[in-house]
Protein backbone atom coordinates (compact mmCIF):
# COMPACT_ATOMS: atom_id res chain seq x y z
CA MET A 1 458.01 93.91 221.20
CA GLU A 2 455.86 92.52 224.00
CA ARG A 3 458.06 92.60 227.10
CA PHE A 4 456.09 90.22 229.31
CA LYS A 5 453.25 87.80 228.73
CA ILE A 6 451.43 85.70 231.33
CA THR A 7 450.82 82.21 229.98
CA HIS A 8 449.46 80.23 232.96
CA LYS A 9 447.94 80.93 236.38
CA SER A 10 447.23 78.93 239.53
CA GLY A 11 445.54 81.28 241.97
CA LYS A 12 447.71 84.40 241.99
CA ALA A 13 450.82 82.41 241.07
CA ARG A 14 451.66 82.68 237.39
CA VAL A 15 454.00 81.55 234.66
CA GLY A 16 455.07 84.17 232.15
CA ILE A 17 457.57 84.95 229.41
CA LEU A 18 460.01 87.84 229.91
CA SER A 19 461.38 88.95 226.54
CA THR A 20 464.76 90.70 226.44
CA LYS A 21 467.37 91.37 223.79
CA THR A 22 469.07 88.02 224.45
CA GLY A 23 465.98 85.83 224.43
CA ASN A 24 462.70 84.79 226.01
CA TYR A 25 462.85 83.59 229.62
CA GLU A 26 460.13 81.73 231.48
CA THR A 27 459.12 83.06 234.88
CA PRO A 28 459.12 82.60 237.83
CA PHE A 29 462.91 82.41 237.88
CA PHE A 30 465.69 82.88 240.41
CA MET A 31 468.92 84.75 239.66
CA PRO A 32 472.25 83.90 241.28
CA VAL A 33 474.17 87.02 242.31
CA ALA A 34 477.27 87.85 240.29
CA THR A 35 478.05 91.11 242.10
CA LYS A 36 481.43 91.80 240.48
CA GLY A 37 480.74 89.87 237.30
CA ALA A 38 481.17 86.43 238.84
CA VAL A 39 479.09 84.06 240.95
CA LYS A 40 481.42 83.10 243.79
CA TYR A 41 483.30 79.83 243.11
CA LEU A 42 481.38 78.99 239.92
CA GLU A 43 482.15 79.41 236.21
CA VAL A 44 479.54 80.67 233.76
CA GLU A 45 479.32 77.22 232.16
CA GLU A 46 478.34 75.80 235.54
CA ILE A 47 475.73 78.51 236.09
CA GLU A 48 474.07 77.47 232.85
CA GLU A 49 474.59 73.77 233.59
CA LEU A 50 472.69 73.94 236.87
CA GLY A 51 469.70 75.47 235.11
CA ALA A 52 470.00 79.23 235.57
CA TYR A 53 469.38 81.54 232.64
CA ALA A 54 469.77 84.90 234.35
CA PHE A 55 471.89 86.51 237.05
CA ILE A 56 472.31 89.99 238.49
CA SER A 57 475.50 92.05 238.68
CA ASN A 58 476.25 95.33 240.41
CA ALA A 59 476.67 98.31 238.11
CA PHE A 60 478.28 100.49 240.78
CA LEU A 61 481.08 97.98 241.53
CA LEU A 62 481.70 97.19 237.85
CA TYR A 63 481.92 100.93 237.14
CA LEU A 64 484.69 101.16 239.75
CA LYS A 65 486.47 97.92 238.86
CA PRO A 66 487.33 96.91 236.15
CA GLY A 67 485.88 100.22 234.91
CA LEU A 68 483.68 101.07 231.95
CA ASP A 69 486.61 101.35 229.53
CA VAL A 70 487.40 97.67 229.97
CA ILE A 71 483.76 96.66 229.53
CA LYS A 72 483.49 98.89 226.44
CA LYS A 73 486.42 97.07 224.86
CA HIS A 74 484.46 93.84 225.18
CA LYS A 75 481.29 95.53 223.87
CA GLY A 76 479.42 94.83 227.08
CA LEU A 77 479.31 92.58 230.11
CA HIS A 78 477.91 89.61 228.17
CA ASN A 79 481.10 89.35 226.12
CA PHE A 80 483.34 90.23 229.06
CA MET A 81 481.98 87.23 230.98
CA ASN A 82 481.22 85.07 227.94
CA TRP A 83 477.58 84.74 229.04
CA LYS A 84 474.98 84.69 226.27
CA LYS A 85 471.79 84.77 228.32
CA CYS A 86 470.03 87.30 230.56
CA ILE A 87 471.80 89.80 232.82
CA PHE A 88 470.18 92.21 235.26
CA THR A 89 472.18 95.07 236.75
CA ASP A 90 471.40 96.81 240.02
CA SER A 91 472.32 100.48 240.34
CA GLY A 92 474.48 99.92 243.41
CA GLY A 93 472.67 102.40 245.64
CA PHE A 94 472.04 99.73 248.28
CA GLN A 95 475.68 98.63 248.33
CA VAL A 96 476.89 102.18 248.79
CA GLN A 97 474.29 102.90 251.44
CA SER A 98 475.11 99.76 253.39
CA LEU A 99 478.61 101.08 254.02
CA ASN A 100 478.36 103.06 257.26
CA ASP A 101 480.63 105.85 256.05
CA PHE A 102 478.21 106.67 253.23
CA LYS A 103 474.77 106.30 254.83
CA ASP A 104 474.08 110.04 255.00
CA LYS A 105 475.31 110.99 251.52
CA PHE A 106 471.97 110.90 249.66
CA SER A 107 470.46 114.10 248.28
CA ASP A 108 467.80 114.80 245.69
CA LYS A 109 470.60 114.91 243.11
CA GLY A 110 471.91 111.44 243.87
CA LEU A 111 474.56 109.87 246.06
CA LYS A 112 478.12 110.99 246.78
CA PHE A 113 480.62 108.45 247.99
CA LYS A 114 484.25 107.38 248.21
CA SER A 115 485.37 104.28 246.33
CA PRO A 116 485.92 101.37 248.72
CA PHE A 117 488.85 100.38 246.48
CA ASP A 118 490.97 103.52 246.35
CA GLY A 119 489.13 106.27 248.22
CA SER A 120 488.41 108.33 245.09
CA LEU A 121 485.31 110.54 245.12
CA HIS A 122 482.29 109.71 242.94
CA GLU A 123 478.67 110.72 242.52
CA LEU A 124 475.83 108.49 241.41
CA THR A 125 472.97 110.41 239.84
CA PRO A 126 470.01 108.91 237.96
CA LYS A 127 471.55 110.08 234.69
CA LYS A 128 474.96 108.63 235.57
CA VAL A 129 473.43 105.31 236.62
CA MET A 130 471.60 105.01 233.31
CA GLU A 131 474.81 105.75 231.40
CA ILE A 132 476.68 103.10 233.42
CA GLU A 133 474.03 100.42 232.98
CA GLU A 134 473.64 101.11 229.26
CA THR A 135 477.42 100.84 228.81
CA ILE A 136 477.43 97.55 230.71
CA GLY A 137 474.72 96.42 228.30
CA SER A 138 472.56 94.37 230.65
CA ASP A 139 469.21 93.00 229.49
CA VAL A 140 467.46 94.70 232.41
CA ALA A 141 468.60 97.85 234.18
CA MET A 142 467.38 98.87 237.62
CA CYS A 143 466.68 102.46 238.63
CA LEU A 144 468.67 104.29 241.25
CA ASP A 145 466.71 104.24 244.49
CA GLN A 146 467.18 104.97 248.17
CA MET A 147 466.44 101.97 250.35
CA PRO A 148 465.57 102.93 253.91
CA LEU A 149 467.30 100.69 256.43
CA TYR A 150 465.10 98.48 258.58
CA GLY A 151 464.30 100.24 261.85
CA SER A 152 464.21 103.70 260.27
CA SER A 153 461.47 106.04 261.43
CA LYS A 154 458.39 106.64 259.31
CA GLU A 155 459.68 110.13 258.48
CA GLN A 156 463.01 108.70 257.27
CA VAL A 157 461.26 106.04 255.20
CA GLU A 158 458.93 108.62 253.69
CA GLU A 159 461.87 110.84 252.72
CA ALA A 160 463.68 107.90 251.10
CA THR A 161 460.52 106.86 249.27
CA LYS A 162 459.94 110.36 247.88
CA ARG A 163 463.56 110.46 246.72
CA THR A 164 463.17 107.04 245.10
CA HIS A 165 460.19 108.40 243.15
CA LEU A 166 462.19 111.44 242.03
CA PHE A 167 465.05 109.21 240.90
CA ALA A 168 462.61 106.92 239.05
CA GLU A 169 461.26 109.83 237.00
CA GLN A 170 464.78 110.97 236.14
CA CYS A 171 465.93 107.46 235.23
CA ILE A 172 463.08 107.10 232.73
CA LYS A 173 463.95 110.48 231.25
CA ASN A 174 467.64 109.57 230.86
CA HIS A 175 467.28 105.95 229.72
CA LYS A 176 468.16 105.97 226.01
CA ASP A 177 468.76 102.32 225.08
CA LYS A 178 465.34 100.98 224.17
CA THR A 179 466.70 97.45 223.64
CA GLN A 180 467.38 97.39 227.38
CA LEU A 181 464.45 96.90 229.74
CA LEU A 182 464.15 99.30 232.67
CA PHE A 183 462.59 98.28 235.98
CA GLY A 184 461.42 100.73 238.63
CA ILE A 185 461.72 100.00 242.34
CA ALA A 186 458.94 100.56 244.89
CA GLN A 187 459.97 101.28 248.47
CA GLY A 188 458.05 102.15 251.63
CA GLY A 189 459.68 100.06 254.33
CA THR A 190 457.17 98.19 256.49
CA PHE A 191 454.65 101.03 256.54
CA PRO A 192 451.49 99.92 254.69
CA GLU A 193 450.47 103.41 253.60
CA LEU A 194 453.92 104.17 252.16
CA ARG A 195 454.12 100.75 250.44
CA LYS A 196 450.77 101.36 248.78
CA ARG A 197 451.69 104.88 247.72
CA SER A 198 455.07 103.85 246.31
CA SER A 199 453.67 100.85 244.44
CA GLN A 200 451.03 103.02 242.83
CA PHE A 201 453.48 105.77 241.91
CA ILE A 202 456.11 103.48 240.37
CA SER A 203 453.35 101.65 238.50
CA SER A 204 452.13 104.94 237.00
CA LEU A 205 455.48 105.53 235.28
CA ASN A 206 455.07 102.60 232.86
CA PHE A 207 458.32 100.78 233.53
CA ASP A 208 458.96 97.45 231.80
CA GLY A 209 458.79 95.79 235.21
CA ILE A 210 458.50 96.67 238.88
CA ALA A 211 460.72 95.60 241.76
CA LEU A 212 459.76 95.34 245.41
CA GLY A 213 462.74 96.84 247.17
CA GLY A 214 463.71 97.20 250.81
CA LEU A 215 462.45 93.80 251.98
CA ALA A 216 464.30 90.77 253.39
CA VAL A 217 466.58 93.20 255.24
CA GLY A 218 465.83 92.14 258.81
CA GLU A 219 462.11 92.71 259.16
CA PRO A 220 459.91 89.89 260.57
CA LEU A 221 458.72 87.36 257.99
CA GLU A 222 455.07 88.22 258.59
CA ALA A 223 455.79 91.91 257.96
CA MET A 224 457.54 91.06 254.70
CA LYS A 225 454.61 88.91 253.58
CA GLU A 226 452.16 91.73 254.36
CA MET A 227 454.25 94.28 252.43
CA ILE A 228 454.42 91.92 249.42
CA LYS A 229 450.65 91.53 249.52
CA ILE A 230 450.05 95.29 249.67
CA SER A 231 452.59 95.98 246.93
CA ILE A 232 451.23 93.41 244.48
CA ALA A 233 447.66 94.60 245.06
CA ASN A 234 448.69 98.08 243.92
CA MET A 235 450.66 97.07 240.83
CA PRO A 236 449.30 96.24 237.36
CA GLU A 237 448.89 92.50 236.87
CA GLU A 238 450.45 92.52 233.40
CA LYS A 239 453.84 93.81 234.62
CA PRO A 240 456.59 91.42 235.83
CA LYS A 241 457.20 91.68 239.58
CA TYR A 242 460.72 91.31 240.99
CA LEU A 243 461.28 90.71 244.72
CA MET A 244 464.84 91.77 245.38
CA GLY A 245 467.05 89.92 247.86
CA VAL A 246 464.90 86.85 248.59
CA GLY A 247 466.42 83.38 248.11
CA SER A 248 465.12 80.93 250.72
CA PRO A 249 462.84 78.16 249.38
CA LYS A 250 460.02 78.98 251.83
CA GLU A 251 460.02 82.71 251.09
CA ILE A 252 460.22 82.17 247.33
CA ILE A 253 457.22 79.83 247.36
CA GLU A 254 455.17 82.22 249.49
CA ALA A 255 456.05 85.17 247.25
CA VAL A 256 455.21 83.24 244.06
CA GLU A 257 451.87 82.48 245.65
CA GLN A 258 451.26 86.25 245.82
CA GLY A 259 452.23 86.82 242.17
CA VAL A 260 455.99 87.51 242.23
CA ASP A 261 457.90 86.49 239.08
CA ILE A 262 461.61 87.15 239.63
CA PHE A 263 464.01 86.67 242.56
CA ASP A 264 467.69 87.14 243.40
CA SER A 265 469.75 86.61 246.52
CA VAL A 266 473.16 85.67 247.87
CA TRP A 267 471.31 83.41 250.34
CA PRO A 268 471.99 80.03 248.64
CA THR A 269 475.71 80.61 248.01
CA ARG A 270 476.37 82.39 251.30
CA ASN A 271 474.66 79.58 253.20
CA ALA A 272 476.67 77.02 251.25
CA ARG A 273 479.93 78.71 252.23
CA HIS A 274 478.81 78.46 255.85
CA GLY A 275 477.80 74.82 255.54
CA LYS A 276 474.00 75.23 255.49
CA ILE A 277 472.67 73.06 252.68
CA PHE A 278 469.25 72.91 251.00
CA THR A 279 467.75 69.41 250.78
CA SER A 280 464.32 67.87 250.22
CA GLU A 281 464.25 67.17 253.98
CA GLY A 282 464.96 70.78 254.91
CA TYR A 283 468.28 72.37 255.86
CA LEU A 284 471.36 70.22 256.48
CA GLU A 285 474.45 71.43 258.38
CA ILE A 286 477.41 69.69 256.79
CA GLU A 287 479.86 70.57 259.58
CA LYS A 288 478.08 68.36 262.13
CA SER A 289 480.08 65.35 263.24
CA LYS A 290 477.30 62.91 262.33
CA HIS A 291 478.24 63.41 258.65
CA LYS A 292 481.91 62.52 259.13
CA ASN A 293 481.45 58.86 258.18
CA SER A 294 478.26 59.09 256.14
CA LEU A 295 478.37 57.40 252.74
CA GLU A 296 475.10 59.03 251.71
CA SER A 297 474.75 61.93 249.27
CA LEU A 298 473.56 65.34 250.43
CA ASP A 299 470.07 64.63 249.09
CA LYS A 300 468.89 61.28 247.75
CA THR A 301 466.30 63.01 245.55
CA CYS A 302 468.78 65.44 243.95
CA ASN A 303 470.25 64.81 240.49
CA CYS A 304 472.99 67.43 240.61
CA LYS A 305 476.54 66.34 239.88
CA VAL A 306 477.56 66.90 243.49
CA CYS A 307 474.93 64.52 244.86
CA LYS A 308 475.68 61.96 242.14
CA THR A 309 479.43 62.06 242.79
CA TYR A 310 480.30 62.82 246.42
CA THR A 311 479.34 61.58 249.88
CA LYS A 312 478.44 63.65 252.91
CA SER A 313 481.63 62.35 254.46
CA TYR A 314 483.83 63.83 251.73
CA LEU A 315 481.94 67.15 251.69
CA HIS A 316 482.15 67.29 255.49
CA HIS A 317 485.92 66.79 255.20
CA LEU A 318 486.30 69.54 252.60
CA PHE A 319 484.25 71.95 254.69
CA LYS A 320 486.12 71.23 257.93
CA ALA A 321 489.46 71.50 256.10
CA ASN A 322 488.34 74.85 254.62
CA GLU A 323 489.11 73.62 251.11
CA PRO A 324 487.84 75.95 248.34
CA LEU A 325 486.54 72.90 246.48
CA GLY A 326 484.08 72.32 249.31
CA LYS A 327 482.65 75.84 248.98
CA LYS A 328 482.42 75.36 245.22
CA LEU A 329 480.58 72.03 245.39
CA LEU A 330 478.20 73.13 248.14
CA SER A 331 477.43 76.38 246.30
CA TYR A 332 476.71 74.42 243.14
CA HIS A 333 474.31 72.13 244.98
CA ASN A 334 472.37 74.93 246.69
CA LEU A 335 471.93 76.82 243.42
CA PHE A 336 470.94 73.62 241.62
CA PHE A 337 468.37 72.95 244.34
CA LEU A 338 466.81 76.40 243.87
CA GLN A 339 466.80 76.17 240.08
CA ASN A 340 465.15 72.77 240.34
CA LEU A 341 462.59 74.28 242.73
CA MET A 342 461.82 77.06 240.24
CA GLN A 343 461.29 74.47 237.50
CA LYS A 344 458.91 72.55 239.78
CA ILE A 345 457.07 75.77 240.57
CA ARG A 346 456.55 76.53 236.89
CA GLN A 347 455.35 72.98 236.23
CA ALA A 348 452.97 73.07 239.20
CA ILE A 349 451.45 76.38 238.09
CA LYS A 350 450.92 75.03 234.59
CA ALA A 351 449.17 71.97 236.06
CA ASN A 352 447.21 74.19 238.48
CA LYS A 353 448.74 72.29 241.42
CA PHE A 354 450.72 75.03 243.10
CA LYS A 355 449.15 74.48 246.55
CA GLU A 356 450.22 70.83 246.48
CA LEU A 357 453.80 71.88 245.67
CA LYS A 358 453.81 74.35 248.55
CA ASP A 359 452.97 71.56 250.99
CA GLU A 360 456.00 69.55 249.78
CA TYR A 361 458.37 72.28 251.04
CA SER A 362 456.83 72.75 254.48
CA LYS A 363 460.06 71.54 256.15
CA PHE A 364 461.88 74.79 255.41
């Protein structure tokens, strides 16, 4: 089966078809984050309703809770969540590493850690990660990697990158489910030489797709853009490219322009919970007092059910009153906005008008 096919191009931006066991999905697309098997405040029916056809969950956290035995009883995460479309799973290495107590627990064998839930001891190895992700049954599994934290020295980044390469080789060796796609992850921090080397190495292993890891973690925007450019230039054109952790409209558009196909981030839902809303006029802060008596919708150009039903005044009230409904409605709108943007991006690429679309979103 052909895993990925490019169908249209506009400059380096492209539309493609990613084929997985649950269907064919048009790229570029954005994935909401369902870390523990749920997108915060939204049901799976709403995720589909707002236009998403893929999300990413965290294999490490699902392994700990509810545990693989529960997921096995449901014959995979798709049935557990009642979601019929595409699921990506991340290995969880980043989540473990981001906990200060565990930052020095990497070795060439894997990663030792204590469960944040009950303190029990565990070890993530490439083989174990592949077993977990195959049991979860995601469409696309991600390799175990070591993401160097922003601000690390070149020597630290080089060590993490070498370890990521070692893990990538072992993940390929231990990945048995050929109905599940496997993506490798290139690292290298913000060091051009290491980015180039990692992109070339991961590309040489013939993964189904390649992720750009370790970006959007605090580095300057210009540095991120340069690392994307270097990475893409050293990856095969025919492979799908996945930029992990990027979810702002401006950064998505700029990455698509370089040839990125897939995105995920908590950015839209986290911002919604803090009252920062995506609109066609740029960002809107719903907590500001000027919205208290406004009878306007969040965005006059938006066709989501939130904008068609509620005023800024009501949403301002819900947010100030800390009502869960407010977080739900604002999260829905932000995700709808991004899904609508992805649809516009695909249409613009097909019409060879991507540059014109980019100009429309200059307010972000």
